[in-house]
Every structure is written in structure tokens, then in C-alpha cells.
Amino acid sequence: GETLGRLDSIERKQEGALISLDETVTQHEFETLVVRVDALEAA
């Protein structure tokens, strides 16, 4: 039971970290990445 509780806590922290990462990547950074991928594909 204690292990399951710890695993749940770790899972919640990971979900929080992923949400935080999603929020930090701005639309501009996403567009910049799309342009670079397009350039690499063209090359």
C-alpha cells in the first residue's frame, strides 16, 4: 500500500511536469521548430 501511494505521488509529479513543459513551449517556439523541420526536409 505504501509503495502504491509512492507510485501515485510520482505519477502525479510526472503529470505536473509534463503539463508544465507543455505550458513553457510557446506557440512561437513551436513555429520555429516547424520552420526548421521544413528546412531540413527541403535540404
PDB file of all heavy atoms in Angstrom:
ATOM      1  N   GLY A   1       0.825  -1.211   0.000  1.00  0.00           N
ATOM      2  CA  GLY A   1       0.000   0.000   0.000  1.00  0.00           C
ATOM      3  C   GLY A   1       0.851   1.250   0.000  1.00  0.00           C
ATOM      4  O   GLY A   1       0.558   2.219  -0.721  1.00  0.00           O
ATOM      5  N   GLU A   2       1.922   1.244   0.813  1.00  0.00           N
ATOM      6  CA  GLU A   2       2.831   2.401   0.847  1.00  0.00           C
ATOM      7  C   GLU A   2       3.504   2.601  -0.511  1.00  0.00           C
ATOM      8  O   GLU A   2       3.647   3.732  -0.986  1.00  0.00           O
ATOM      9  CB  GLU A   2       3.882   2.200   1.940  1.00  0.00           C
ATOM     10  CG  GLU A   2       3.335   2.260   3.347  1.00  0.00           C
ATOM     11  CD  GLU A   2       4.348   1.850   4.398  1.00  0.00           C
ATOM     12  OE1 GLU A   2       5.488   1.475   4.038  1.00  0.00           O
ATOM     13  OE2 GLU A   2       4.003   1.898   5.597  1.00  0.00           O
ATOM     14  N   THR A   3       3.902   1.502  -1.136  1.00  0.00           N
ATOM     15  CA  THR A   3       4.545   1.578  -2.448  1.00  0.00           C
ATOM     16  C   THR A   3       3.576   2.139  -3.485  1.00  0.00           C
ATOM     17  O   THR A   3       3.954   2.988  -4.303  1.00  0.00           O
ATOM     18  CB  THR A   3       5.049   0.184  -2.890  1.00  0.00           C
ATOM     19  OG1 THR A   3       5.988  -0.288  -1.921  1.00  0.00           O
ATOM     20  CG2 THR A   3       5.714   0.234  -4.254  1.00  0.00           C
ATOM     21  N   LEU A   4       2.326   1.675  -3.449  1.00  0.00           N
ATOM     22  CA  LEU A   4       1.330   2.192  -4.384  1.00  0.00           C
ATOM     23  C   LEU A   4       1.110   3.687  -4.171  1.00  0.00           C
ATOM     24  O   LEU A   4       0.966   4.454  -5.135  1.00  0.00           O
ATOM     25  CB  LEU A   4       0.016   1.429  -4.240  1.00  0.00           C
ATOM     26  CG  LEU A   4       0.015   0.007  -4.789  1.00  0.00           C
ATOM     27  CD1 LEU A   4      -1.299  -0.694  -4.453  1.00  0.00           C
ATOM     28  CD2 LEU A   4       0.251  -0.005  -6.277  1.00  0.00           C
ATOM     29  N   GLY A   5       1.105   4.113  -2.918  1.00  0.00           N
ATOM     30  CA  GLY A   5       0.968   5.539  -2.621  1.00  0.00           C
ATOM     31  C   GLY A   5       2.124   6.338  -3.191  1.00  0.00           C
ATOM     32  O   GLY A   5       1.929   7.421  -3.763  1.00  0.00           O
ATOM     33  N   ARG A   6       3.331   5.801  -3.040  1.00  0.00           N
ATOM     34  CA  ARG A   6       4.513   6.488  -3.587  1.00  0.00           C
ATOM     35  C   ARG A   6       4.454   6.548  -5.109  1.00  0.00           C
ATOM     36  O   ARG A   6       4.793   7.569  -5.717  1.00  0.00           O
ATOM     37  CB  ARG A   6       5.788   5.778  -3.137  1.00  0.00           C
ATOM     38  CG  ARG A   6       6.079   5.956  -1.667  1.00  0.00           C
ATOM     39  CD  ARG A   6       7.323   5.206  -1.248  1.00  0.00           C
ATOM     40  NE  ARG A   6       7.540   5.330   0.176  1.00  0.00           N
ATOM     41  CZ  ARG A   6       8.151   4.425   0.910  1.00  0.00           C
ATOM     42  NH1 ARG A   6       8.617   3.326   0.344  1.00  0.00           N
ATOM     43  NH2 ARG A   6       8.317   4.595   2.201  1.00  0.00           N
ATOM     44  N   LEU A   7       4.032   5.435  -5.718  1.00  0.00           N
ATOM     45  CA  LEU A   7       3.924   5.416  -7.177  1.00  0.00           C
ATOM     46  C   LEU A   7       2.885   6.423  -7.664  1.00  0.00           C
ATOM     47  O   LEU A   7       3.096   7.108  -8.677  1.00  0.00           O
ATOM     48  CB  LEU A   7       3.578   4.011  -7.677  1.00  0.00           C
ATOM     49  CG  LEU A   7       4.687   2.977  -7.583  1.00  0.00           C
ATOM     50  CD1 LEU A   7       4.167   1.596  -7.945  1.00  0.00           C
ATOM     51  CD2 LEU A   7       5.861   3.349  -8.474  1.00  0.00           C
ATOM     52  N   ASP A   8       1.776   6.528  -6.963  1.00  0.00           N
ATOM     53  CA  ASP A   8       0.757   7.532  -7.318  1.00  0.00           C
ATOM     54  C   ASP A   8       1.333   8.941  -7.217  1.00  0.00           C
ATOM     55  O   ASP A   8       1.093   9.782  -8.083  1.00  0.00           O
ATOM     56  CB  ASP A   8      -0.472   7.406  -6.408  1.00  0.00           C
ATOM     57  CG  ASP A   8      -1.325   6.200  -6.738  1.00  0.00           C
ATOM     58  OD1 ASP A   8      -1.174   5.648  -7.845  1.00  0.00           O
ATOM     59  OD2 ASP A   8      -2.147   5.805  -5.872  1.00  0.00           O
ATOM     60  N   SER A   9       2.105   9.190  -6.167  1.00  0.00           N
ATOM     61  CA  SER A   9       2.725  10.501  -5.984  1.00  0.00           C
ATOM     62  C   SER A   9       3.691  10.806  -7.124  1.00  0.00           C
ATOM     63  O   SER A   9       3.697  11.916  -7.675  1.00  0.00           O
ATOM     64  CB  SER A   9       3.455  10.548  -4.639  1.00  0.00           C
ATOM     65  OG  SER A   9       4.168  11.748  -4.489  1.00  0.00           O
ATOM     66  N   ILE A  10       4.504   9.833  -7.493  1.00  0.00           N
ATOM     67  CA  ILE A  10       5.458  10.007  -8.595  1.00  0.00           C
ATOM     68  C   ILE A  10       4.710  10.282  -9.895  1.00  0.00           C
ATOM     69  O   ILE A  10       5.075  11.171 -10.673  1.00  0.00           O
ATOM     70  CB  ILE A  10       6.371   8.764  -8.738  1.00  0.00           C
ATOM     71  CG1 ILE A  10       7.324   8.675  -7.548  1.00  0.00           C
ATOM     72  CG2 ILE A  10       7.123   8.781 -10.055  1.00  0.00           C
ATOM     73  CD1 ILE A  10       8.074   7.357  -7.454  1.00  0.00           C
ATOM     74  N   GLU A  11       3.620   9.534 -10.109  1.00  0.00           N
ATOM     75  CA  GLU A  11       2.837   9.725 -11.331  1.00  0.00           C
ATOM     76  C   GLU A  11       2.234  11.132 -11.384  1.00  0.00           C
ATOM     77  O   GLU A  11       2.263  11.795 -12.429  1.00  0.00           O
ATOM     78  CB  GLU A  11       1.725   8.676 -11.396  1.00  0.00           C
ATOM     79  CG  GLU A  11       0.937   8.691 -12.687  1.00  0.00           C
ATOM     80  CD  GLU A  11      -0.097   7.575 -12.749  1.00  0.00           C
ATOM     81  OE1 GLU A  11      -0.329   6.914 -11.729  1.00  0.00           O
ATOM     82  OE2 GLU A  11      -0.672   7.406 -13.831  1.00  0.00           O
ATOM     83  N   ARG A  12       1.718  11.600 -10.257  1.00  0.00           N
ATOM     84  CA  ARG A  12       1.166  12.964 -10.215  1.00  0.00           C
ATOM     85  C   ARG A  12       2.259  14.006 -10.505  1.00  0.00           C
ATOM     86  O   ARG A  12       2.025  14.977 -11.232  1.00  0.00           O
ATOM     87  CB  ARG A  12       0.507  13.236  -8.868  1.00  0.00           C
ATOM     88  CG  ARG A  12      -0.844  12.564  -8.692  1.00  0.00           C
ATOM     89  CD  ARG A  12      -1.570  13.062  -7.458  1.00  0.00           C
ATOM     90  NE  ARG A  12      -0.833  12.900  -6.219  1.00  0.00           N
ATOM     91  CZ  ARG A  12      -0.813  11.788  -5.476  1.00  0.00           C
ATOM     92  NH1 ARG A  12      -1.498  10.729  -5.851  1.00  0.00           N
ATOM     93  NH2 ARG A  12      -0.117  11.744  -4.355  1.00  0.00           N
ATOM     94  N   LYS A  13       3.447  13.802  -9.947  1.00  0.00           N
ATOM     95  CA  LYS A  13       4.551  14.734 -10.198  1.00  0.00           C
ATOM     96  C   LYS A  13       4.943  14.729 -11.670  1.00  0.00           C
ATOM     97  O   LYS A  13       5.220  15.783 -12.251  1.00  0.00           O
ATOM     98  CB  LYS A  13       5.754  14.377  -9.331  1.00  0.00           C
ATOM     99  CG  LYS A  13       5.568  14.719  -7.871  1.00  0.00           C
ATOM    100  CD  LYS A  13       6.770  14.299  -7.054  1.00  0.00           C
ATOM    101  CE  LYS A  13       6.543  14.574  -5.572  1.00  0.00           C
ATOM    102  NZ  LYS A  13       7.658  14.108  -4.741  1.00  0.00           N
ATOM    103  N   GLN A  14       4.976  13.547 -12.277  1.00  0.00           N
ATOM    104  CA  GLN A  14       5.327  13.455 -13.696  1.00  0.00           C
ATOM    105  C   GLN A  14       4.278  14.156 -14.552  1.00  0.00           C
ATOM    106  O   GLN A  14       4.623  14.864 -15.506  1.00  0.00           O
ATOM    107  CB  GLN A  14       5.456  11.989 -14.122  1.00  0.00           C
ATOM    108  CG  GLN A  14       6.704  11.316 -13.602  1.00  0.00           C
ATOM    109  CD  GLN A  14       6.769   9.838 -13.979  1.00  0.00           C
ATOM    110  OE1 GLN A  14       5.755   9.219 -14.254  1.00  0.00           O
ATOM    111  NE2 GLN A  14       7.971   9.296 -13.979  1.00  0.00           N
ATOM    112  N   GLU A  15       3.002  13.956 -14.206  1.00  0.00           N
ATOM    113  CA  GLU A  15       1.945  14.630 -14.961  1.00  0.00           C
ATOM    114  C   GLU A  15       2.074  16.140 -14.820  1.00  0.00           C
ATOM    115  O   GLU A  15       1.900  16.875 -15.795  1.00  0.00           O
ATOM    116  CB  GLU A  15       0.571  14.161 -14.471  1.00  0.00           C
ATOM    117  CG  GLU A  15       0.232  12.751 -14.894  1.00  0.00           C
ATOM    118  CD  GLU A  15      -1.064  12.237 -14.268  1.00  0.00           C
ATOM    119  OE1 GLU A  15      -1.683  12.965 -13.453  1.00  0.00           O
ATOM    120  OE2 GLU A  15      -1.459  11.120 -14.607  1.00  0.00           O
ATOM    121  N   GLY A  16       2.376  16.589 -13.619  1.00  0.00           N
ATOM    122  CA  GLY A  16       2.580  18.024 -13.397  1.00  0.00           C
ATOM    123  C   GLY A  16       3.754  18.550 -14.202  1.00  0.00           C
ATOM    124  O   GLY A  16       3.699  19.652 -14.768  1.00  0.00           O
ATOM    125  N   ALA A  17       4.825  17.780 -14.253  1.00  0.00           N
ATOM    126  CA  ALA A  17       5.998  18.208 -15.022  1.00  0.00           C
ATOM    127  C   ALA A  17       5.670  18.292 -16.498  1.00  0.00           C
ATOM    128  O   ALA A  17       6.105  19.229 -17.195  1.00  0.00           O
ATOM    129  CB  ALA A  17       7.158  17.243 -14.788  1.00  0.00           C
ATOM    130  N   LEU A  18       4.898  17.321 -17.019  1.00  0.00           N
ATOM    131  CA  LEU A  18       4.524  17.350 -18.433  1.00  0.00           C
ATOM    132  C   LEU A  18       3.628  18.545 -18.741  1.00  0.00           C
ATOM    133  O   LEU A  18       3.799  19.211 -19.766  1.00  0.00           O
ATOM    134  CB  LEU A  18       3.816  16.049 -18.827  1.00  0.00           C
ATOM    135  CG  LEU A  18       4.704  14.811 -18.919  1.00  0.00           C
ATOM    136  CD1 LEU A  18       3.863  13.571 -19.193  1.00  0.00           C
ATOM    137  CD2 LEU A  18       5.750  14.990 -20.013  1.00  0.00           C
ATOM    138  N   ILE A  19       2.699  18.825 -17.849  1.00  0.00           N
ATOM    139  CA  ILE A  19       1.828  19.992 -18.042  1.00  0.00           C
ATOM    140  C   ILE A  19       2.665  21.263 -18.041  1.00  0.00           C
ATOM    141  O   ILE A  19       2.476  22.151 -18.870  1.00  0.00           O
ATOM    142  CB  ILE A  19       0.730  20.026 -16.959  1.00  0.00           C
ATOM    143  CG1 ILE A  19      -0.258  18.876 -17.187  1.00  0.00           C
ATOM    144  CG2 ILE A  19       0.013  21.362 -16.940  1.00  0.00           C
ATOM    145  CD1 ILE A  19      -1.242  18.662 -16.047  1.00  0.00           C
ATOM    146  N   SER A  20       3.612  21.330 -17.127  1.00  0.00           N
ATOM    147  CA  SER A  20       4.489  22.495 -17.046  1.00  0.00           C
ATOM    148  C   SER A  20       5.302  22.650 -18.321  1.00  0.00           C
ATOM    149  O   SER A  20       5.474  23.766 -18.834  1.00  0.00           O
ATOM    150  CB  SER A  20       5.409  22.366 -15.833  1.00  0.00           C
ATOM    151  OG  SER A  20       6.305  23.441 -15.775  1.00  0.00           O
ATOM    152  N   LEU A  21       5.816  21.546 -18.845  1.00  0.00           N
ATOM    153  CA  LEU A  21       6.579  21.603 -20.096  1.00  0.00           C
ATOM    154  C   LEU A  21       5.695  22.064 -21.241  1.00  0.00           C
ATOM    155  O   LEU A  21       6.119  22.872 -22.080  1.00  0.00           O
ATOM    156  CB  LEU A  21       7.170  20.232 -20.434  1.00  0.00           C
ATOM    157  CG  LEU A  21       8.405  19.814 -19.653  1.00  0.00           C
ATOM    158  CD1 LEU A  21       8.789  18.375 -20.000  1.00  0.00           C
ATOM    159  CD2 LEU A  21       9.565  20.746 -19.958  1.00  0.00           C
ATOM    160  N   ASP A  22       4.487  21.548 -21.280  1.00  0.00           N
ATOM    161  CA  ASP A  22       3.561  21.970 -22.335  1.00  0.00           C
ATOM    162  C   ASP A  22       3.317  23.471 -22.278  1.00  0.00           C
ATOM    163  O   ASP A  22       3.223  24.142 -23.308  1.00  0.00           O
ATOM    164  CB  ASP A  22       2.220  21.227 -22.218  1.00  0.00           C
ATOM    165  CG  ASP A  22       2.331  19.774 -22.645  1.00  0.00           C
ATOM    166  OD1 ASP A  22       3.321  19.421 -23.307  1.00  0.00           O
ATOM    167  OD2 ASP A  22       1.424  18.988 -22.305  1.00  0.00           O
ATOM    168  N   GLU A  23       3.204  24.007 -21.091  1.00  0.00           N
ATOM    169  CA  GLU A  23       2.927  25.426 -20.933  1.00  0.00           C
ATOM    170  C   GLU A  23       4.129  26.296 -21.283  1.00  0.00           C
ATOM    171  O   GLU A  23       3.979  27.433 -21.708  1.00  0.00           O
ATOM    172  CB  GLU A  23       2.465  25.713 -19.496  1.00  0.00           C
ATOM    173  CG  GLU A  23       1.106  25.120 -19.180  1.00  0.00           C
ATOM    174  CD  GLU A  23       0.739  25.222 -17.715  1.00  0.00           C
ATOM    175  OE1 GLU A  23       1.578  25.663 -16.902  1.00  0.00           O
ATOM    176  OE2 GLU A  23      -0.386  24.838 -17.381  1.00  0.00           O
ATOM    177  N   THR A  24       5.337  25.766 -21.107  1.00  0.00           N
ATOM    178  CA  THR A  24       6.530  26.576 -21.371  1.00  0.00           C
ATOM    179  C   THR A  24       6.868  26.657 -22.846  1.00  0.00           C
ATOM    180  O   THR A  24       7.561  27.580 -23.275  1.00  0.00           O
ATOM    181  CB  THR A  24       7.753  26.031 -20.603  1.00  0.00           C
ATOM    182  OG1 THR A  24       7.981  24.686 -20.974  1.00  0.00           O
ATOM    183  CG2 THR A  24       7.550  26.141 -19.111  1.00  0.00           C
ATOM    184  N   VAL A  25       6.432  25.679 -23.607  1.00  0.00           N
ATOM    185  CA  VAL A  25       6.694  25.730 -25.048  1.00  0.00           C
ATOM    186  C   VAL A  25       5.652  26.672 -25.650  1.00  0.00           C
ATOM    187  O   VAL A  25       4.476  26.399 -25.698  1.00  0.00           O
ATOM    188  CB  VAL A  25       6.596  24.319 -25.677  1.00  0.00           C
ATOM    189  CG1 VAL A  25       6.770  24.416 -27.193  1.00  0.00           C
ATOM    190  CG2 VAL A  25       7.624  23.400 -25.076  1.00  0.00           C
ATOM    191  N   THR A  26       6.114  27.784 -26.107  1.00  0.00           N
ATOM    192  CA  THR A  26       5.189  28.794 -26.645  1.00  0.00           C
ATOM    193  C   THR A  26       4.873  28.491 -28.096  1.00  0.00           C
ATOM    194  O   THR A  26       5.547  27.678 -28.762  1.00  0.00           O
ATOM    195  CB  THR A  26       5.809  30.189 -26.538  1.00  0.00           C
ATOM    196  OG1 THR A  26       6.981  30.212 -27.352  1.00  0.00           O
ATOM    197  CG2 THR A  26       6.132  30.550 -25.111  1.00  0.00           C
ATOM    198  N   GLN A  27       3.874  29.134 -28.571  1.00  0.00           N
ATOM    199  CA  GLN A  27       3.484  28.988 -29.972  1.00  0.00           C
ATOM    200  C   GLN A  27       4.638  29.387 -30.881  1.00  0.00           C
ATOM    201  O   GLN A  27       4.898  28.746 -31.894  1.00  0.00           O
ATOM    202  CB  GLN A  27       2.241  29.839 -30.259  1.00  0.00           C
ATOM    203  CG  GLN A  27       1.726  29.725 -31.682  1.00  0.00           C
ATOM    204  CD  GLN A  27       1.185  28.336 -32.004  1.00  0.00           C
ATOM    205  OE1 GLN A  27       0.681  27.658 -31.129  1.00  0.00           O
ATOM    206  NE2 GLN A  27       1.305  27.925 -33.248  1.00  0.00           N
ATOM    207  N   HIS A  28       5.346  30.425 -30.517  1.00  0.00           N
ATOM    208  CA  HIS A  28       6.465  30.900 -31.333  1.00  0.00           C
ATOM    209  C   HIS A  28       7.546  29.820 -31.445  1.00  0.00           C
ATOM    210  O   HIS A  28       8.089  29.592 -32.543  1.00  0.00           O
ATOM    211  CB  HIS A  28       7.053  32.191 -30.745  1.00  0.00           C
ATOM    212  CG  HIS A  28       8.268  32.662 -31.478  1.00  0.00           C
ATOM    213  ND1 HIS A  28       8.206  33.162 -32.772  1.00  0.00           N
ATOM    214  CD2 HIS A  28       9.579  32.689 -31.121  1.00  0.00           C
ATOM    215  CE1 HIS A  28       9.424  33.469 -33.161  1.00  0.00           C
ATOM    216  NE2 HIS A  28      10.274  33.203 -32.177  1.00  0.00           N
ATOM    217  N   GLU A  29       7.886  29.202 -30.305  1.00  0.00           N
ATOM    218  CA  GLU A  29       8.905  28.137 -30.338  1.00  0.00           C
ATOM    219  C   GLU A  29       8.439  26.989 -31.216  1.00  0.00           C
ATOM    220  O   GLU A  29       9.226  26.385 -31.948  1.00  0.00           O
ATOM    221  CB  GLU A  29       9.205  27.650 -28.924  1.00  0.00           C
ATOM    222  CG  GLU A  29       9.918  28.679 -28.062  1.00  0.00           C
ATOM    223  CD  GLU A  29       9.992  28.269 -26.596  1.00  0.00           C
ATOM    224  OE1 GLU A  29       9.055  27.630 -26.102  1.00  0.00           O
ATOM    225  OE2 GLU A  29      11.004  28.603 -25.962  1.00  0.00           O
ATOM    226  N   PHE A  30       7.157  26.678 -31.171  1.00  0.00           N
ATOM    227  CA  PHE A  30       6.610  25.608 -31.994  1.00  0.00           C
ATOM    228  C   PHE A  30       6.733  25.966 -33.470  1.00  0.00           C
ATOM    229  O   PHE A  30       7.159  25.145 -34.283  1.00  0.00           O
ATOM    230  CB  PHE A  30       5.141  25.355 -31.616  1.00  0.00           C
ATOM    231  CG  PHE A  30       4.504  24.266 -32.424  1.00  0.00           C
ATOM    232  CD1 PHE A  30       4.837  22.939 -32.213  1.00  0.00           C
ATOM    233  CD2 PHE A  30       3.574  24.571 -33.409  1.00  0.00           C
ATOM    234  CE1 PHE A  30       4.252  21.945 -32.968  1.00  0.00           C
ATOM    235  CE2 PHE A  30       2.987  23.580 -34.166  1.00  0.00           C
ATOM    236  CZ  PHE A  30       3.327  22.257 -33.941  1.00  0.00           C
ATOM    237  N   GLU A  31       6.392  27.195 -33.812  1.00  0.00           N
ATOM    238  CA  GLU A  31       6.500  27.631 -35.206  1.00  0.00           C
ATOM    239  C   GLU A  31       7.949  27.601 -35.682  1.00  0.00           C
ATOM    240  O   GLU A  31       8.227  27.239 -36.823  1.00  0.00           O
ATOM    241  CB  GLU A  31       5.910  29.041 -35.354  1.00  0.00           C
ATOM    242  CG  GLU A  31       4.407  29.073 -35.204  1.00  0.00           C
ATOM    243  CD  GLU A  31       3.843  30.487 -35.144  1.00  0.00           C
ATOM    244  OE1 GLU A  31       4.617  31.467 -35.191  1.00  0.00           O
ATOM    245  OE2 GLU A  31       2.610  30.592 -35.041  1.00  0.00           O
ATOM    246  N   THR A  32       8.874  27.998 -34.801  1.00  0.00           N
ATOM    247  CA  THR A  32      10.296  27.962 -35.144  1.00  0.00           C
ATOM    248  C   THR A  32      10.734  26.531 -35.437  1.00  0.00           C
ATOM    249  O   THR A  32      11.466  26.273 -36.407  1.00  0.00           O
ATOM    250  CB  THR A  32      11.141  28.551 -33.992  1.00  0.00           C
ATOM    251  OG1 THR A  32      10.706  29.878 -33.726  1.00  0.00           O
ATOM    252  CG2 THR A  32      12.616  28.554 -34.336  1.00  0.00           C
ATOM    253  N   LEU A  33      10.258  25.601 -34.632  1.00  0.00           N
ATOM    254  CA  LEU A  33      10.600  24.199 -34.869  1.00  0.00           C
ATOM    255  C   LEU A  33      10.028  23.702 -36.188  1.00  0.00           C
ATOM    256  O   LEU A  33      10.697  22.966 -36.928  1.00  0.00           O
ATOM    257  CB  LEU A  33      10.078  23.330 -33.715  1.00  0.00           C
ATOM    258  CG  LEU A  33      10.805  23.459 -32.386  1.00  0.00           C
ATOM    259  CD1 LEU A  33      10.077  22.663 -31.310  1.00  0.00           C
ATOM    260  CD2 LEU A  33      12.237  22.977 -32.499  1.00  0.00           C
ATOM    261  N   VAL A  34       8.821  24.106 -36.519  1.00  0.00           N
ATOM    262  CA  VAL A  34       8.203  23.690 -37.785  1.00  0.00           C
ATOM    263  C   VAL A  34       9.009  24.216 -38.963  1.00  0.00           C
ATOM    264  O   VAL A  34       9.269  23.498 -39.932  1.00  0.00           O
ATOM    265  CB  VAL A  34       6.720  24.161 -37.847  1.00  0.00           C
ATOM    266  CG1 VAL A  34       6.142  23.962 -39.251  1.00  0.00           C
ATOM    267  CG2 VAL A  34       5.884  23.436 -36.806  1.00  0.00           C
ATOM    268  N   VAL A  35       9.457  25.468 -38.883  1.00  0.00           N
ATOM    269  CA  VAL A  35      10.267  26.058 -39.962  1.00  0.00           C
ATOM    270  C   VAL A  35      11.576  25.289 -40.097  1.00  0.00           C
ATOM    271  O   VAL A  35      12.013  24.990 -41.210  1.00  0.00           O
ATOM    272  CB  VAL A  35      10.521  27.573 -39.687  1.00  0.00           C
ATOM    273  CG1 VAL A  35      11.560  28.140 -40.643  1.00  0.00           C
ATOM    274  CG2 VAL A  35       9.215  28.342 -39.768  1.00  0.00           C
ATOM    275  N   ARG A  36      12.206  24.951 -39.015  1.00  0.00           N
ATOM    276  CA  ARG A  36      13.481  24.214 -39.078  1.00  0.00           C
ATOM    277  C   ARG A  36      13.277  22.822 -39.678  1.00  0.00           C
ATOM    278  O   ARG A  36      14.098  22.359 -40.464  1.00  0.00           O
ATOM    279  CB  ARG A  36      14.095  24.109 -37.691  1.00  0.00           C
ATOM    280  CG  ARG A  36      14.672  25.410 -37.185  1.00  0.00           C
ATOM    281  CD  ARG A  36      15.338  25.215 -35.840  1.00  0.00           C
ATOM    282  NE  ARG A  36      15.831  26.492 -35.328  1.00  0.00           N
ATOM    283  CZ  ARG A  36      16.259  26.671 -34.111  1.00  0.00           C
ATOM    284  NH1 ARG A  36      16.255  25.686 -33.229  1.00  0.00           N
ATOM    285  NH2 ARG A  36      16.696  27.856 -33.733  1.00  0.00           N
ATOM    286  N   VAL A  37      12.189  22.155 -39.292  1.00  0.00           N
ATOM    287  CA  VAL A  37      11.909  20.828 -39.845  1.00  0.00           C
ATOM    288  C   VAL A  37      11.667  20.958 -41.339  1.00  0.00           C
ATOM    289  O   VAL A  37      12.165  20.138 -42.137  1.00  0.00           O
ATOM    290  CB  VAL A  37      10.694  20.174 -39.136  1.00  0.00           C
ATOM    291  CG1 VAL A  37      10.224  18.938 -39.883  1.00  0.00           C
ATOM    292  CG2 VAL A  37      11.051  19.825 -37.702  1.00  0.00           C
ATOM    293  N   ASP A  38      10.915  21.962 -41.746  1.00  0.00           N
ATOM    294  CA  ASP A  38      10.682  22.188 -43.176  1.00  0.00           C
ATOM    295  C   ASP A  38      12.000  22.411 -43.914  1.00  0.00           C
ATOM    296  O   ASP A  38      12.216  21.879 -45.014  1.00  0.00           O
ATOM    297  CB  ASP A  38       9.749  23.389 -43.403  1.00  0.00           C
ATOM    298  CG  ASP A  38       8.302  23.079 -43.030  1.00  0.00           C
ATOM    299  OD1 ASP A  38       7.963  21.873 -42.949  1.00  0.00           O
ATOM    300  OD2 ASP A  38       7.525  24.036 -42.819  1.00  0.00           O
ATOM    301  N   ALA A  39      12.906  23.197 -43.323  1.00  0.00           N
ATOM    302  CA  ALA A  39      14.192  23.464 -43.929  1.00  0.00           C
ATOM    303  C   ALA A  39      15.014  22.188 -44.047  1.00  0.00           C
ATOM    304  O   ALA A  39      15.662  21.937 -45.080  1.00  0.00           O
ATOM    305  CB  ALA A  39      14.935  24.537 -43.143  1.00  0.00           C
ATOM    306  N   LEU A  40      14.999  21.363 -43.008  1.00  0.00           N
ATOM    307  CA  LEU A  40      15.753  20.113 -43.055  1.00  0.00           C
ATOM    308  C   LEU A  40      15.162  19.160 -44.088  1.00  0.00           C
ATOM    309  O   LEU A  40      15.904  18.483 -44.811  1.00  0.00           O
ATOM    310  CB  LEU A  40      15.741  19.451 -41.670  1.00  0.00           C
ATOM    311  CG  LEU A  40      16.592  20.126 -40.593  1.00  0.00           C
ATOM    312  CD1 LEU A  40      16.345  19.465 -39.234  1.00  0.00           C
ATOM    313  CD2 LEU A  40      18.073  20.050 -40.951  1.00  0.00           C
ATOM    314  N   GLU A  41      13.855  19.121 -44.188  1.00  0.00           N
ATOM    315  CA  GLU A  41      13.230  18.262 -45.176  1.00  0.00           C
ATOM    316  C   GLU A  41      13.556  18.736 -46.583  1.00  0.00           C
ATOM    317  O   GLU A  41      13.802  17.929 -47.490  1.00  0.00           O
ATOM    318  CB  GLU A  41      11.713  18.222 -44.964  1.00  0.00           C
ATOM    319  CG  GLU A  41      11.290  17.393 -43.755  1.00  0.00           C
ATOM    320  CD  GLU A  41       9.780  17.456 -43.516  1.00  0.00           C
ATOM    321  OE1 GLU A  41       9.079  18.312 -44.095  1.00  0.00           O
ATOM    322  OE2 GLU A  41       9.309  16.613 -42.717  1.00  0.00           O
ATOM    323  N   ALA A  42      13.576  20.035 -46.806  1.00  0.00           N
ATOM    324  CA  ALA A  42      13.896  20.613 -48.109  1.00  0.00           C
ATOM    325  C   ALA A  42      15.348  20.299 -48.485  1.00  0.00           C
ATOM    326  O   ALA A  42      15.656  20.006 -49.634  1.00  0.00           O
ATOM    327  CB  ALA A  42      13.639  22.114 -48.119  1.00  0.00           C
ATOM    328  N   ALA A  43      16.250  20.377 -47.506  1.00  0.00           N
ATOM    329  CA  ALA A  43      17.652  20.107 -47.750  1.00  0.00           C
ATOM    330  C   ALA A  43      17.888  18.638 -48.060  1.00  0.00           C
ATOM    331  O   ALA A  43      18.784  18.279 -48.816  1.00  0.00           O
ATOM    332  CB  ALA A  43      18.500  20.537 -46.552  1.00  0.00           C
TER     333      ALA A  43
END
